[in-house]
Amino acid sequence: MCPSANPNFRKSSYSGGQTQDCVEVADLPGSAVVRDSQHPDLSHLEVPASEWRALIATVRSA
């Protein structure tokens, strides 16, 4: 992730509303960034946009 990027994280819709165990996702040009909502200051996982779309399609079809 580019140091100047200021991603707008949102809570994953698959996290549910009754728990604190969730992830946050932000869209960047060409990638998606995922982080733990309980520790947003720690590391994140950046995934190429094509791979993110494939993951979401697989989850939705399951």
Protein backbone atom coordinates (compact mmCIF):
# COMPACT_ATOMS: atom_id res chain seq x y z
CA MET A 1 0.00 0.00 0.00
CA CYS A 2 1.33 3.38 -0.95
CA PRO A 3 2.34 5.39 2.16
CA SER A 4 0.32 8.37 0.91
CA ALA A 5 -2.81 6.28 0.44
CA ASN A 6 -5.52 6.94 2.99
CA PRO A 7 -7.90 4.02 2.48
CA ASN A 8 -11.50 4.31 3.55
CA PHE A 9 -12.02 1.07 5.49
CA ARG A 10 -15.49 -0.41 5.94
CA LYS A 11 -16.63 -3.34 8.04
CA SER A 12 -16.98 -6.53 6.05
CA SER A 13 -20.61 -7.46 5.46
CA TYR A 14 -19.71 -11.06 6.35
CA SER A 15 -18.55 -10.10 9.85
CA GLY A 16 -22.03 -9.87 11.37
CA GLY A 17 -23.25 -7.23 13.77
CA GLN A 18 -23.19 -9.05 17.10
CA THR A 19 -19.47 -9.69 17.46
CA GLN A 20 -16.27 -7.74 17.77
CA ASP A 21 -14.44 -10.32 15.63
CA CYS A 22 -14.50 -8.74 12.22
CA VAL A 23 -12.37 -7.52 9.39
CA GLU A 24 -12.37 -4.23 7.57
CA VAL A 25 -11.88 -3.84 3.84
CA ALA A 26 -10.78 -0.86 1.76
CA ASP A 27 -10.68 -0.54 -2.01
CA LEU A 28 -7.60 0.96 -3.59
CA PRO A 29 -6.82 1.42 -7.27
CA GLY A 30 -5.89 -2.08 -8.41
CA SER A 31 -6.18 -3.78 -5.01
CA ALA A 32 -8.18 -4.42 -1.85
CA VAL A 33 -6.76 -4.04 1.66
CA VAL A 34 -7.97 -6.14 4.60
CA ARG A 35 -7.21 -5.54 8.29
CA ASP A 36 -8.34 -6.72 11.71
CA SER A 37 -10.85 -4.23 13.12
CA GLN A 38 -9.63 -4.85 16.68
CA HIS A 39 -6.05 -3.95 15.74
CA PRO A 40 -6.26 -1.45 12.88
CA ASP A 41 -2.83 -0.06 13.70
CA LEU A 42 -1.16 -3.40 12.99
CA SER A 43 -0.38 -4.90 9.62
CA HIS A 44 -2.81 -5.38 6.75
CA LEU A 45 -3.16 -7.72 3.80
CA GLU A 46 -3.18 -6.21 0.31
CA VAL A 47 -4.69 -8.35 -2.44
CA PRO A 48 -4.70 -7.60 -6.19
CA ALA A 49 -8.17 -6.54 -7.33
CA SER A 50 -8.53 -9.52 -9.69
CA GLU A 51 -7.79 -11.96 -6.86
CA TRP A 52 -10.18 -10.14 -4.52
CA ARG A 53 -12.98 -10.35 -7.09
CA ALA A 54 -12.30 -14.08 -7.52
CA LEU A 55 -12.44 -14.63 -3.75
CA ILE A 56 -15.72 -12.74 -3.40
CA ALA A 57 -17.25 -14.65 -6.35
CA THR A 58 -16.23 -17.95 -4.77
CA VAL A 59 -17.67 -17.01 -1.37
CA ARG A 60 -20.93 -15.87 -2.91
CA SER A 61 -21.32 -19.08 -4.92
CA ALA A 62 -20.72 -21.35 -1.93
